[in-house]
Amino acid sequence: DWLLTVPLLLVELVAVLALTRKAQSRLLW
């Protein structure tokens, strides 16, 4: 369950940061 939900949570957190797509992509990687 955590293998699914924790990465999704991080994607959601990065999405609220109002960063550029490039910066969001860098963070997610």
mmCIF file of all heavy atoms, coordinates in Angstrom:
data_MODEL
# 
_entry.id   MODEL 
# 
loop_
_atom_site.group_PDB 
_atom_site.id 
_atom_site.type_symbol 
_atom_site.label_atom_id 
_atom_site.label_alt_id 
_atom_site.label_comp_id 
_atom_site.label_asym_id 
_atom_site.label_entity_id 
_atom_site.label_seq_id 
_atom_site.pdbx_PDB_ins_code 
_atom_site.Cartn_x 
_atom_site.Cartn_y 
_atom_site.Cartn_z 
_atom_site.occupancy 
_atom_site.B_iso_or_equiv 
_atom_site.pdbx_formal_charge 
_atom_site.auth_seq_id 
_atom_site.auth_comp_id 
_atom_site.auth_asym_id 
_atom_site.auth_atom_id 
_atom_site.pdbx_PDB_model_num 
ATOM 1   N N   . ASP A 1 1  ? 0.835  -1.200 0.000   1.00 0.00 ? 1  ASP A N   1 
ATOM 2   C CA  . ASP A 1 1  ? 0.000  0.000  0.000   1.00 0.00 ? 1  ASP A CA  1 
ATOM 3   C C   . ASP A 1 1  ? 0.872  1.253  0.000   1.00 0.00 ? 1  ASP A C   1 
ATOM 4   O O   . ASP A 1 1  ? 0.621  2.199  -0.747  1.00 0.00 ? 1  ASP A O   1 
ATOM 5   C CB  . ASP A 1 1  ? -0.925 -0.007 1.222   1.00 0.00 ? 1  ASP A CB  1 
ATOM 6   C CG  . ASP A 1 1  ? -1.767 1.247  1.299   1.00 0.00 ? 1  ASP A CG  1 
ATOM 7   O OD1 . ASP A 1 1  ? -2.579 1.463  0.370   1.00 0.00 ? 1  ASP A OD1 1 
ATOM 8   O OD2 . ASP A 1 1  ? -1.602 2.010  2.266   1.00 0.00 ? 1  ASP A OD2 1 
ATOM 9   N N   . TRP A 1 2  ? 1.912  1.263  0.818   1.00 0.00 ? 2  TRP A N   1 
ATOM 10  C CA  . TRP A 1 2  ? 2.797  2.432  0.871   1.00 0.00 ? 2  TRP A CA  1 
ATOM 11  C C   . TRP A 1 2  ? 3.545  2.644  -0.447  1.00 0.00 ? 2  TRP A C   1 
ATOM 12  O O   . TRP A 1 2  ? 3.832  3.776  -0.814  1.00 0.00 ? 2  TRP A O   1 
ATOM 13  C CB  . TRP A 1 2  ? 3.783  2.300  2.011   1.00 0.00 ? 2  TRP A CB  1 
ATOM 14  C CG  . TRP A 1 2  ? 3.158  2.453  3.367   1.00 0.00 ? 2  TRP A CG  1 
ATOM 15  C CD1 . TRP A 1 2  ? 1.963  3.045  3.663   1.00 0.00 ? 2  TRP A CD1 1 
ATOM 16  C CD2 . TRP A 1 2  ? 3.691  2.002  4.592   1.00 0.00 ? 2  TRP A CD2 1 
ATOM 17  N NE1 . TRP A 1 2  ? 1.726  2.990  5.012   1.00 0.00 ? 2  TRP A NE1 1 
ATOM 18  C CE2 . TRP A 1 2  ? 2.771  2.350  5.611   1.00 0.00 ? 2  TRP A CE2 1 
ATOM 19  C CE3 . TRP A 1 2  ? 4.849  1.327  4.957   1.00 0.00 ? 2  TRP A CE3 1 
ATOM 20  C CZ2 . TRP A 1 2  ? 2.986  2.066  6.949   1.00 0.00 ? 2  TRP A CZ2 1 
ATOM 21  C CZ3 . TRP A 1 2  ? 5.060  1.050  6.291   1.00 0.00 ? 2  TRP A CZ3 1 
ATOM 22  C CH2 . TRP A 1 2  ? 4.145  1.412  7.271   1.00 0.00 ? 2  TRP A CH2 1 
ATOM 23  N N   . LEU A 1 3  ? 3.868  1.554  -1.136  1.00 0.00 ? 3  LEU A N   1 
ATOM 24  C CA  . LEU A 1 3  ? 4.541  1.710  -2.441  1.00 0.00 ? 3  LEU A CA  1 
ATOM 25  C C   . LEU A 1 3  ? 3.668  2.473  -3.429  1.00 0.00 ? 3  LEU A C   1 
ATOM 26  O O   . LEU A 1 3  ? 4.175  3.101  -4.350  1.00 0.00 ? 3  LEU A O   1 
ATOM 27  C CB  . LEU A 1 3  ? 4.916  0.347  -3.033  1.00 0.00 ? 3  LEU A CB  1 
ATOM 28  C CG  . LEU A 1 3  ? 6.190  -0.278 -2.484  1.00 0.00 ? 3  LEU A CG  1 
ATOM 29  C CD1 . LEU A 1 3  ? 6.346  -1.706 -3.011  1.00 0.00 ? 3  LEU A CD1 1 
ATOM 30  C CD2 . LEU A 1 3  ? 7.416  0.547  -2.817  1.00 0.00 ? 3  LEU A CD2 1 
ATOM 31  N N   . LEU A 1 4  ? 2.368  2.419  -3.236  1.00 0.00 ? 4  LEU A N   1 
ATOM 32  C CA  . LEU A 1 4  ? 1.440  3.165  -4.090  1.00 0.00 ? 4  LEU A CA  1 
ATOM 33  C C   . LEU A 1 4  ? 1.141  4.554  -3.528  1.00 0.00 ? 4  LEU A C   1 
ATOM 34  O O   . LEU A 1 4  ? 1.180  5.552  -4.242  1.00 0.00 ? 4  LEU A O   1 
ATOM 35  C CB  . LEU A 1 4  ? 0.128  2.390  -4.246  1.00 0.00 ? 4  LEU A CB  1 
ATOM 36  C CG  . LEU A 1 4  ? 0.233  1.007  -4.880  1.00 0.00 ? 4  LEU A CG  1 
ATOM 37  C CD1 . LEU A 1 4  ? -1.084 0.265  -4.745  1.00 0.00 ? 4  LEU A CD1 1 
ATOM 38  C CD2 . LEU A 1 4  ? 0.652  1.115  -6.322  1.00 0.00 ? 4  LEU A CD2 1 
ATOM 39  N N   . THR A 1 5  ? 0.834  4.621  -2.242  1.00 0.00 ? 5  THR A N   1 
ATOM 40  C CA  . THR A 1 5  ? 0.322  5.867  -1.682  1.00 0.00 ? 5  THR A CA  1 
ATOM 41  C C   . THR A 1 5  ? 1.393  6.906  -1.373  1.00 0.00 ? 5  THR A C   1 
ATOM 42  O O   . THR A 1 5  ? 1.139  8.100  -1.508  1.00 0.00 ? 5  THR A O   1 
ATOM 43  C CB  . THR A 1 5  ? -0.514 5.598  -0.419  1.00 0.00 ? 5  THR A CB  1 
ATOM 44  O OG1 . THR A 1 5  ? 0.287  4.905  0.548   1.00 0.00 ? 5  THR A OG1 1 
ATOM 45  C CG2 . THR A 1 5  ? -1.751 4.800  -0.756  1.00 0.00 ? 5  THR A CG2 1 
ATOM 46  N N   . VAL A 1 6  ? 2.567  6.486  -0.935  1.00 0.00 ? 6  VAL A N   1 
ATOM 47  C CA  . VAL A 1 6  ? 3.598  7.471  -0.578  1.00 0.00 ? 6  VAL A CA  1 
ATOM 48  C C   . VAL A 1 6  ? 4.090  8.231  -1.815  1.00 0.00 ? 6  VAL A C   1 
ATOM 49  O O   . VAL A 1 6  ? 4.146  9.465  -1.783  1.00 0.00 ? 6  VAL A O   1 
ATOM 50  C CB  . VAL A 1 6  ? 4.753  6.831  0.215   1.00 0.00 ? 6  VAL A CB  1 
ATOM 51  C CG1 . VAL A 1 6  ? 5.893  7.820  0.438   1.00 0.00 ? 6  VAL A CG1 1 
ATOM 52  C CG2 . VAL A 1 6  ? 4.245  6.308  1.554   1.00 0.00 ? 6  VAL A CG2 1 
ATOM 53  N N   . PRO A 1 7  ? 4.441  7.563  -2.917  1.00 0.00 ? 7  PRO A N   1 
ATOM 54  C CA  . PRO A 1 7  ? 4.802  8.347  -4.106  1.00 0.00 ? 7  PRO A CA  1 
ATOM 55  C C   . PRO A 1 7  ? 3.673  9.270  -4.572  1.00 0.00 ? 7  PRO A C   1 
ATOM 56  O O   . PRO A 1 7  ? 3.934  10.411 -4.977  1.00 0.00 ? 7  PRO A O   1 
ATOM 57  C CB  . PRO A 1 7  ? 5.123  7.281  -5.166  1.00 0.00 ? 7  PRO A CB  1 
ATOM 58  C CG  . PRO A 1 7  ? 5.547  6.095  -4.373  1.00 0.00 ? 7  PRO A CG  1 
ATOM 59  C CD  . PRO A 1 7  ? 4.682  6.130  -3.138  1.00 0.00 ? 7  PRO A CD  1 
ATOM 60  N N   . LEU A 1 8  ? 2.423  8.807  -4.483  1.00 0.00 ? 8  LEU A N   1 
ATOM 61  C CA  . LEU A 1 8  ? 1.300  9.675  -4.868  1.00 0.00 ? 8  LEU A CA  1 
ATOM 62  C C   . LEU A 1 8  ? 1.181  10.889 -3.946  1.00 0.00 ? 8  LEU A C   1 
ATOM 63  O O   . LEU A 1 8  ? 0.907  11.999 -4.400  1.00 0.00 ? 8  LEU A O   1 
ATOM 64  C CB  . LEU A 1 8  ? -0.006 8.885  -4.876  1.00 0.00 ? 8  LEU A CB  1 
ATOM 65  C CG  . LEU A 1 8  ? -0.167 7.891  -6.013  1.00 0.00 ? 8  LEU A CG  1 
ATOM 66  C CD1 . LEU A 1 8  ? -1.431 7.053  -5.822  1.00 0.00 ? 8  LEU A CD1 1 
ATOM 67  C CD2 . LEU A 1 8  ? -0.200 8.603  -7.346  1.00 0.00 ? 8  LEU A CD2 1 
ATOM 68  N N   . LEU A 1 9  ? 1.410  10.684 -2.676  1.00 0.00 ? 9  LEU A N   1 
ATOM 69  C CA  . LEU A 1 9  ? 1.397  11.801 -1.735  1.00 0.00 ? 9  LEU A CA  1 
ATOM 70  C C   . LEU A 1 9  ? 2.474  12.824 -2.092  1.00 0.00 ? 9  LEU A C   1 
ATOM 71  O O   . LEU A 1 9  ? 2.241  14.037 -2.061  1.00 0.00 ? 9  LEU A O   1 
ATOM 72  C CB  . LEU A 1 9  ? 1.606  11.300 -0.306  1.00 0.00 ? 9  LEU A CB  1 
ATOM 73  C CG  . LEU A 1 9  ? 1.790  12.371 0.764   1.00 0.00 ? 9  LEU A CG  1 
ATOM 74  C CD1 . LEU A 1 9  ? 0.526  13.185 0.938   1.00 0.00 ? 9  LEU A CD1 1 
ATOM 75  C CD2 . LEU A 1 9  ? 2.208  11.742 2.078   1.00 0.00 ? 9  LEU A CD2 1 
ATOM 76  N N   . LEU A 1 10 ? 3.645  12.335 -2.451  1.00 0.00 ? 10 LEU A N   1 
ATOM 77  C CA  . LEU A 1 10 ? 4.733  13.243 -2.828  1.00 0.00 ? 10 LEU A CA  1 
ATOM 78  C C   . LEU A 1 10 ? 4.406  14.005 -4.106  1.00 0.00 ? 10 LEU A C   1 
ATOM 79  O O   . LEU A 1 10 ? 4.711  15.197 -4.221  1.00 0.00 ? 10 LEU A O   1 
ATOM 80  C CB  . LEU A 1 10 ? 6.040  12.464 -2.971  1.00 0.00 ? 10 LEU A CB  1 
ATOM 81  C CG  . LEU A 1 10 ? 6.572  11.886 -1.655  1.00 0.00 ? 10 LEU A CG  1 
ATOM 82  C CD1 . LEU A 1 10 ? 7.743  10.958 -1.906  1.00 0.00 ? 10 LEU A CD1 1 
ATOM 83  C CD2 . LEU A 1 10 ? 6.931  12.984 -0.673  1.00 0.00 ? 10 LEU A CD2 1 
ATOM 84  N N   . VAL A 1 11 ? 3.757  13.340 -5.045  1.00 0.00 ? 11 VAL A N   1 
ATOM 85  C CA  . VAL A 1 11 ? 3.322  14.022 -6.273  1.00 0.00 ? 11 VAL A CA  1 
ATOM 86  C C   . VAL A 1 11 ? 2.348  15.142 -5.914  1.00 0.00 ? 11 VAL A C   1 
ATOM 87  O O   . VAL A 1 11 ? 2.457  16.264 -6.432  1.00 0.00 ? 11 VAL A O   1 
ATOM 88  C CB  . VAL A 1 11 ? 2.687  13.026 -7.267  1.00 0.00 ? 11 VAL A CB  1 
ATOM 89  C CG1 . VAL A 1 11 ? 1.979  13.744 -8.404  1.00 0.00 ? 11 VAL A CG1 1 
ATOM 90  C CG2 . VAL A 1 11 ? 3.751  12.076 -7.812  1.00 0.00 ? 11 VAL A CG2 1 
ATOM 91  N N   . GLU A 1 12 ? 1.409  14.861 -5.012  1.00 0.00 ? 12 GLU A N   1 
ATOM 92  C CA  . GLU A 1 12 ? 0.449  15.881 -4.594  1.00 0.00 ? 12 GLU A CA  1 
ATOM 93  C C   . GLU A 1 12 ? 1.134  17.045 -3.887  1.00 0.00 ? 12 GLU A C   1 
ATOM 94  O O   . GLU A 1 12 ? 0.807  18.203 -4.125  1.00 0.00 ? 12 GLU A O   1 
ATOM 95  C CB  . GLU A 1 12 ? -0.606 15.265 -3.671  1.00 0.00 ? 12 GLU A CB  1 
ATOM 96  C CG  . GLU A 1 12 ? -1.522 14.312 -4.378  1.00 0.00 ? 12 GLU A CG  1 
ATOM 97  C CD  . GLU A 1 12 ? -2.425 13.551 -3.415  1.00 0.00 ? 12 GLU A CD  1 
ATOM 98  O OE1 . GLU A 1 12 ? -2.231 13.643 -2.176  1.00 0.00 ? 12 GLU A OE1 1 
ATOM 99  O OE2 . GLU A 1 12 ? -3.322 12.854 -3.901  1.00 0.00 ? 12 GLU A OE2 1 
ATOM 100 N N   . LEU A 1 13 ? 2.098  16.734 -3.016  1.00 0.00 ? 13 LEU A N   1 
ATOM 101 C CA  . LEU A 1 13 ? 2.820  17.800 -2.312  1.00 0.00 ? 13 LEU A CA  1 
ATOM 102 C C   . LEU A 1 13 ? 3.591  18.693 -3.279  1.00 0.00 ? 13 LEU A C   1 
ATOM 103 O O   . LEU A 1 13 ? 3.584  19.916 -3.149  1.00 0.00 ? 13 LEU A O   1 
ATOM 104 C CB  . LEU A 1 13 ? 3.772  17.210 -1.276  1.00 0.00 ? 13 LEU A CB  1 
ATOM 105 C CG  . LEU A 1 13 ? 3.146  16.739 0.017   1.00 0.00 ? 13 LEU A CG  1 
ATOM 106 C CD1 . LEU A 1 13 ? 4.149  15.963 0.855   1.00 0.00 ? 13 LEU A CD1 1 
ATOM 107 C CD2 . LEU A 1 13 ? 2.610  17.912 0.809   1.00 0.00 ? 13 LEU A CD2 1 
ATOM 108 N N   . VAL A 1 14 ? 4.236  18.087 -4.244  1.00 0.00 ? 14 VAL A N   1 
ATOM 109 C CA  . VAL A 1 14 ? 4.987  18.868 -5.234  1.00 0.00 ? 14 VAL A CA  1 
ATOM 110 C C   . VAL A 1 14 ? 4.033  19.710 -6.076  1.00 0.00 ? 14 VAL A C   1 
ATOM 111 O O   . VAL A 1 14 ? 4.343  20.852 -6.427  1.00 0.00 ? 14 VAL A O   1 
ATOM 112 C CB  . VAL A 1 14 ? 5.866  17.945 -6.109  1.00 0.00 ? 14 VAL A CB  1 
ATOM 113 C CG1 . VAL A 1 14 ? 6.452  18.691 -7.293  1.00 0.00 ? 14 VAL A CG1 1 
ATOM 114 C CG2 . VAL A 1 14 ? 6.985  17.336 -5.264  1.00 0.00 ? 14 VAL A CG2 1 
ATOM 115 N N   . ALA A 1 15 ? 2.856  19.187 -6.359  1.00 0.00 ? 15 ALA A N   1 
ATOM 116 C CA  . ALA A 1 15 ? 1.888  19.919 -7.176  1.00 0.00 ? 15 ALA A CA  1 
ATOM 117 C C   . ALA A 1 15 ? 1.437  21.217 -6.516  1.00 0.00 ? 15 ALA A C   1 
ATOM 118 O O   . ALA A 1 15 ? 1.158  22.199 -7.202  1.00 0.00 ? 15 ALA A O   1 
ATOM 119 C CB  . ALA A 1 15 ? 0.682  19.043 -7.482  1.00 0.00 ? 15 ALA A CB  1 
ATOM 120 N N   . VAL A 1 16 ? 1.383  21.263 -5.178  1.00 0.00 ? 16 VAL A N   1 
ATOM 121 C CA  . VAL A 1 16 ? 0.923  22.473 -4.504  1.00 0.00 ? 16 VAL A CA  1 
ATOM 122 C C   . VAL A 1 16 ? 2.002  23.530 -4.331  1.00 0.00 ? 16 VAL A C   1 
ATOM 123 O O   . VAL A 1 16 ? 1.734  24.623 -3.844  1.00 0.00 ? 16 VAL A O   1 
ATOM 124 C CB  . VAL A 1 16 ? 0.297  22.166 -3.114  1.00 0.00 ? 16 VAL A CB  1 
ATOM 125 C CG1 . VAL A 1 16 ? -0.854 21.221 -3.246  1.00 0.00 ? 16 VAL A CG1 1 
ATOM 126 C CG2 . VAL A 1 16 ? 1.337  21.688 -2.132  1.00 0.00 ? 16 VAL A CG2 1 
ATOM 127 N N   . LEU A 1 17 ? 3.209  23.223 -4.758  1.00 0.00 ? 17 LEU A N   1 
ATOM 128 C CA  . LEU A 1 17 ? 4.307  24.168 -4.555  1.00 0.00 ? 17 LEU A CA  1 
ATOM 129 C C   . LEU A 1 17 ? 4.342  25.303 -5.573  1.00 0.00 ? 17 LEU A C   1 
ATOM 130 O O   . LEU A 1 17 ? 5.160  26.202 -5.455  1.00 0.00 ? 17 LEU A O   1 
ATOM 131 C CB  . LEU A 1 17 ? 5.654  23.437 -4.573  1.00 0.00 ? 17 LEU A CB  1 
ATOM 132 C CG  . LEU A 1 17 ? 5.880  22.455 -3.435  1.00 0.00 ? 17 LEU A CG  1 
ATOM 133 C CD1 . LEU A 1 17 ? 7.240  21.780 -3.585  1.00 0.00 ? 17 LEU A CD1 1 
ATOM 134 C CD2 . LEU A 1 17 ? 5.777  23.141 -2.092  1.00 0.00 ? 17 LEU A CD2 1 
ATOM 135 N N   . ALA A 1 18 ? 3.500  25.274 -6.584  1.00 0.00 ? 18 ALA A N   1 
ATOM 136 C CA  . ALA A 1 18 ? 3.444  26.318 -7.612  1.00 0.00 ? 18 ALA A CA  1 
ATOM 137 C C   . ALA A 1 18 ? 4.810  26.516 -8.277  1.00 0.00 ? 18 ALA A C   1 
ATOM 138 O O   . ALA A 1 18 ? 5.280  27.633 -8.454  1.00 0.00 ? 18 ALA A O   1 
ATOM 139 C CB  . ALA A 1 18 ? 2.929  27.633 -7.026  1.00 0.00 ? 18 ALA A CB  1 
ATOM 140 N N   . LEU A 1 19 ? 5.420  25.396 -8.643  1.00 0.00 ? 19 LEU A N   1 
ATOM 141 C CA  . LEU A 1 19 ? 6.718  25.434 -9.313  1.00 0.00 ? 19 LEU A CA  1 
ATOM 142 C C   . LEU A 1 19 ? 6.524  25.261 -10.816 1.00 0.00 ? 19 LEU A C   1 
ATOM 143 O O   . LEU A 1 19 ? 5.479  24.810 -11.268 1.00 0.00 ? 19 LEU A O   1 
ATOM 144 C CB  . LEU A 1 19 ? 7.616  24.306 -8.787  1.00 0.00 ? 19 LEU A CB  1 
ATOM 145 C CG  . LEU A 1 19 ? 7.898  24.304 -7.291  1.00 0.00 ? 19 LEU A CG  1 
ATOM 146 C CD1 . LEU A 1 19 ? 8.604  23.017 -6.897  1.00 0.00 ? 19 LEU A CD1 1 
ATOM 147 C CD2 . LEU A 1 19 ? 8.733  25.512 -6.900  1.00 0.00 ? 19 LEU A CD2 1 
ATOM 148 N N   . THR A 1 20 ? 7.554  25.561 -11.562 1.00 0.00 ? 20 THR A N   1 
ATOM 149 C CA  . THR A 1 20 ? 7.509  25.321 -13.001 1.00 0.00 ? 20 THR A CA  1 
ATOM 150 C C   . THR A 1 20 ? 7.463  23.820 -13.243 1.00 0.00 ? 20 THR A C   1 
ATOM 151 O O   . THR A 1 20 ? 7.838  23.029 -12.379 1.00 0.00 ? 20 THR A O   1 
ATOM 152 C CB  . THR A 1 20 ? 8.742  25.910 -13.702 1.00 0.00 ? 20 THR A CB  1 
ATOM 153 O OG1 . THR A 1 20 ? 9.901  25.200 -13.238 1.00 0.00 ? 20 THR A OG1 1 
ATOM 154 C CG2 . THR A 1 20 ? 8.888  27.401 -13.434 1.00 0.00 ? 20 THR A CG2 1 
ATOM 155 N N   . ARG A 1 21 ? 7.021  23.436 -14.423 1.00 0.00 ? 21 ARG A N   1 
ATOM 156 C CA  . ARG A 1 21 ? 6.969  21.997 -14.769 1.00 0.00 ? 21 ARG A CA  1 
ATOM 157 C C   . ARG A 1 21 ? 8.355  21.366 -14.654 1.00 0.00 ? 21 ARG A C   1 
ATOM 158 O O   . ARG A 1 21 ? 8.491  20.244 -14.177 1.00 0.00 ? 21 ARG A O   1 
ATOM 159 C CB  . ARG A 1 21 ? 6.443  21.811 -16.192 1.00 0.00 ? 21 ARG A CB  1 
ATOM 160 C CG  . ARG A 1 21 ? 4.990  22.143 -16.325 1.00 0.00 ? 21 ARG A CG  1 
ATOM 161 C CD  . ARG A 1 21 ? 4.210  20.856 -16.435 1.00 0.00 ? 21 ARG A CD  1 
ATOM 162 N NE  . ARG A 1 21 ? 2.835  21.159 -16.743 1.00 0.00 ? 21 ARG A NE  1 
ATOM 163 C CZ  . ARG A 1 21 ? 1.841  20.740 -16.016 1.00 0.00 ? 21 ARG A CZ  1 
ATOM 164 N NH1 . ARG A 1 21 ? 2.061  20.007 -14.964 1.00 0.00 ? 21 ARG A NH1 1 
ATOM 165 N NH2 . ARG A 1 21 ? 0.607  21.047 -16.343 1.00 0.00 ? 21 ARG A NH2 1 
ATOM 166 N N   . LYS A 1 22 ? 9.371  22.093 -15.080 1.00 0.00 ? 22 LYS A N   1 
ATOM 167 C CA  . LYS A 1 22 ? 10.740 21.572 -15.033 1.00 0.00 ? 22 LYS A CA  1 
ATOM 168 C C   . LYS A 1 22 ? 11.173 21.331 -13.580 1.00 0.00 ? 22 LYS A C   1 
ATOM 169 O O   . LYS A 1 22 ? 11.748 20.294 -13.260 1.00 0.00 ? 22 LYS A O   1 
ATOM 170 C CB  . LYS A 1 22 ? 11.696 22.541 -15.720 1.00 0.00 ? 22 LYS A CB  1 
ATOM 171 C CG  . LYS A 1 22 ? 13.118 22.033 -15.803 1.00 0.00 ? 22 LYS A CG  1 
ATOM 172 C CD  . LYS A 1 22 ? 14.003 23.003 -16.556 1.00 0.00 ? 22 LYS A CD  1 
ATOM 173 C CE  . LYS A 1 22 ? 15.423 22.491 -16.611 1.00 0.00 ? 22 LYS A CE  1 
ATOM 174 N NZ  . LYS A 1 22 ? 16.314 23.408 -17.299 1.00 0.00 ? 22 LYS A NZ  1 
ATOM 175 N N   . ALA A 1 23 ? 10.868 22.283 -12.703 1.00 0.00 ? 23 ALA A N   1 
ATOM 176 C CA  . ALA A 1 23 ? 11.227 22.140 -11.289 1.00 0.00 ? 23 ALA A CA  1 
ATOM 177 C C   . ALA A 1 23 ? 10.431 21.002 -10.642 1.00 0.00 ? 23 ALA A C   1 
ATOM 178 O O   . ALA A 1 23 ? 10.977 20.234 -9.843  1.00 0.00 ? 23 ALA A O   1 
ATOM 179 C CB  . ALA A 1 23 ? 10.995 23.450 -10.553 1.00 0.00 ? 23 ALA A CB  1 
ATOM 180 N N   . GLN A 1 24 ? 9.152  20.895 -10.979 1.00 0.00 ? 24 GLN A N   1 
ATOM 181 C CA  . GLN A 1 24 ? 8.338  19.793 -10.452 1.00 0.00 ? 24 GLN A CA  1 
ATOM 182 C C   . GLN A 1 24 ? 8.898  18.451 -10.898 1.00 0.00 ? 24 GLN A C   1 
ATOM 183 O O   . GLN A 1 24 ? 9.018  17.527 -10.095 1.00 0.00 ? 24 GLN A O   1 
ATOM 184 C CB  . GLN A 1 24 ? 6.888  19.928 -10.918 1.00 0.00 ? 24 GLN A CB  1 
ATOM 185 C CG  . GLN A 1 24 ? 6.108  20.985 -10.214 1.00 0.00 ? 24 GLN A CG  1 
ATOM 186 C CD  . GLN A 1 24 ? 4.656  21.046 -10.696 1.00 0.00 ? 24 GLN A CD  1 
ATOM 187 O OE1 . GLN A 1 24 ? 4.280  20.430 -11.692 1.00 0.00 ? 24 GLN A OE1 1 
ATOM 188 N NE2 . GLN A 1 24 ? 3.847  21.801 -9.981  1.00 0.00 ? 24 GLN A NE2 1 
ATOM 189 N N   . SER A 1 25 ? 9.243  18.372 -12.169 1.00 0.00 ? 25 SER A N   1 
ATOM 190 C CA  . SER A 1 25 ? 9.789  17.121 -12.702 1.00 0.00 ? 25 SER A CA  1 
ATOM 191 C C   . SER A 1 25 ? 11.097 16.757 -11.998 1.00 0.00 ? 25 SER A C   1 
ATOM 192 O O   . SER A 1 25 ? 11.305 15.595 -11.623 1.00 0.00 ? 25 SER A O   1 
ATOM 193 C CB  . SER A 1 25 ? 10.008 17.259 -14.204 1.00 0.00 ? 25 SER A CB  1 
ATOM 194 O OG  . SER A 1 25 ? 10.549 16.085 -14.726 1.00 0.00 ? 25 SER A OG  1 
ATOM 195 N N   . ARG A 1 26 ? 11.954 17.735 -11.789 1.00 0.00 ? 26 ARG A N   1 
ATOM 196 C CA  . ARG A 1 26 ? 13.235 17.499 -11.111 1.00 0.00 ? 26 ARG A CA  1 
ATOM 197 C C   . ARG A 1 26 ? 12.990 16.967 -9.698  1.00 0.00 ? 26 ARG A C   1 
ATOM 198 O O   . ARG A 1 26 ? 13.619 15.995 -9.266  1.00 0.00 ? 26 ARG A O   1 
ATOM 199 C CB  . ARG A 1 26 ? 14.047 18.798 -11.064 1.00 0.00 ? 26 ARG A CB  1 
ATOM 200 C CG  . ARG A 1 26 ? 15.380 18.682 -10.351 1.00 0.00 ? 26 ARG A CG  1 
ATOM 201 C CD  . ARG A 1 26 ? 16.092 20.026 -10.228 1.00 0.00 ? 26 ARG A CD  1 
ATOM 202 N NE  . ARG A 1 26 ? 15.339 21.038 -9.506  1.00 0.00 ? 26 ARG A NE  1 
ATOM 203 C CZ  . ARG A 1 26 ? 15.279 21.138 -8.170  1.00 0.00 ? 26 ARG A CZ  1 
ATOM 204 N NH1 . ARG A 1 26 ? 15.909 20.279 -7.415  1.00 0.00 ? 26 ARG A NH1 1 
ATOM 205 N NH2 . ARG A 1 26 ? 14.569 22.099 -7.599  1.00 0.00 ? 26 ARG A NH2 1 
ATOM 206 N N   . LEU A 1 27 ? 12.065 17.574 -8.986  1.00 0.00 ? 27 LEU A N   1 
ATOM 207 C CA  . LEU A 1 27 ? 11.753 17.127 -7.629  1.00 0.00 ? 27 LEU A CA  1 
ATOM 208 C C   . LEU A 1 27 ? 11.195 15.707 -7.611  1.00 0.00 ? 27 LEU A C   1 
ATOM 209 O O   . LEU A 1 27 ? 11.575 14.889 -6.780  1.00 0.00 ? 27 LEU A O   1 
ATOM 210 C CB  . LEU A 1 27 ? 10.739 18.065 -6.982  1.00 0.00 ? 27 LEU A CB  1 
ATOM 211 C CG  . LEU A 1 27 ? 11.275 19.289 -6.290  1.00 0.00 ? 27 LEU A CG  1 
ATOM 212 C CD1 . LEU A 1 27 ? 10.141 20.139 -5.754  1.00 0.00 ? 27 LEU A CD1 1 
ATOM 213 C CD2 . LEU A 1 27 ? 12.224 18.914 -5.183  1.00 0.00 ? 27 LEU A CD2 1 
ATOM 214 N N   . LEU A 1 28 ? 10.280 15.446 -8.536  1.00 0.00 ? 28 LEU A N   1 
ATOM 215 C CA  . LEU A 1 28 ? 9.676  14.114 -8.565  1.00 0.00 ? 28 LEU A CA  1 
ATOM 216 C C   . LEU A 1 28 ? 10.693 13.034 -8.905  1.00 0.00 ? 28 LEU A C   1 
ATOM 217 O O   . LEU A 1 28 ? 10.614 11.921 -8.373  1.00 0.00 ? 28 LEU A O   1 
ATOM 218 C CB  . LEU A 1 28 ? 8.492  14.090 -9.526  1.00 0.00 ? 28 LEU A CB  1 
ATOM 219 C CG  . LEU A 1 28 ? 7.293  14.913 -9.068  1.00 0.00 ? 28 LEU A CG  1 
ATOM 220 C CD1 . LEU A 1 28 ? 6.200  14.918 -10.131 1.00 0.00 ? 28 LEU A CD1 1 
ATOM 221 C CD2 . LEU A 1 28 ? 6.762  14.413 -7.733  1.00 0.00 ? 28 LEU A CD2 1 
ATOM 222 N N   . TRP A 1 29 ? 11.653 13.353 -9.764  1.00 0.00 ? 29 TRP A N   1 
ATOM 223 C CA  . TRP A 1 29 ? 12.693 12.377 -10.096 1.00 0.00 ? 29 TRP A CA  1 
ATOM 224 C C   . TRP A 1 29 ? 13.611 12.119 -8.906  1.00 0.00 ? 29 TRP A C   1 
ATOM 225 O O   . TRP A 1 29 ? 14.285 11.097 -8.850  1.00 0.00 ? 29 TRP A O   1 
ATOM 226 C CB  . TRP A 1 29 ? 13.498 12.818 -11.321 1.00 0.00 ? 29 TRP A CB  1 
ATOM 227 C CG  . TRP A 1 29 ? 12.816 12.459 -12.596 1.00 0.00 ? 29 TRP A CG  1 
ATOM 228 C CD1 . TRP A 1 29 ? 12.172 13.304 -13.452 1.00 0.00 ? 29 TRP A CD1 1 
ATOM 229 C CD2 . TRP A 1 29 ? 12.680 11.149 -13.155 1.00 0.00 ? 29 TRP A CD2 1 
ATOM 230 N NE1 . TRP A 1 29 ? 11.632 12.599 -14.497 1.00 0.00 ? 29 TRP A NE1 1 
ATOM 231 C CE2 . TRP A 1 29 ? 11.940 11.266 -14.345 1.00 0.00 ? 29 TRP A CE2 1 
ATOM 232 C CE3 . TRP A 1 29 ? 13.106 9.881  -12.764 1.00 0.00 ? 29 TRP A CE3 1 
ATOM 233 C CZ2 . TRP A 1 29 ? 11.612 10.172 -15.137 1.00 0.00 ? 29 TRP A CZ2 1 
ATOM 234 C CZ3 . TRP A 1 29 ? 12.782 8.793  -13.558 1.00 0.00 ? 29 TRP A CZ3 1 
ATOM 235 C CH2 . TRP A 1 29 ? 12.045 8.947  -14.729 1.00 0.00 ? 29 TRP A CH2 1 
# 
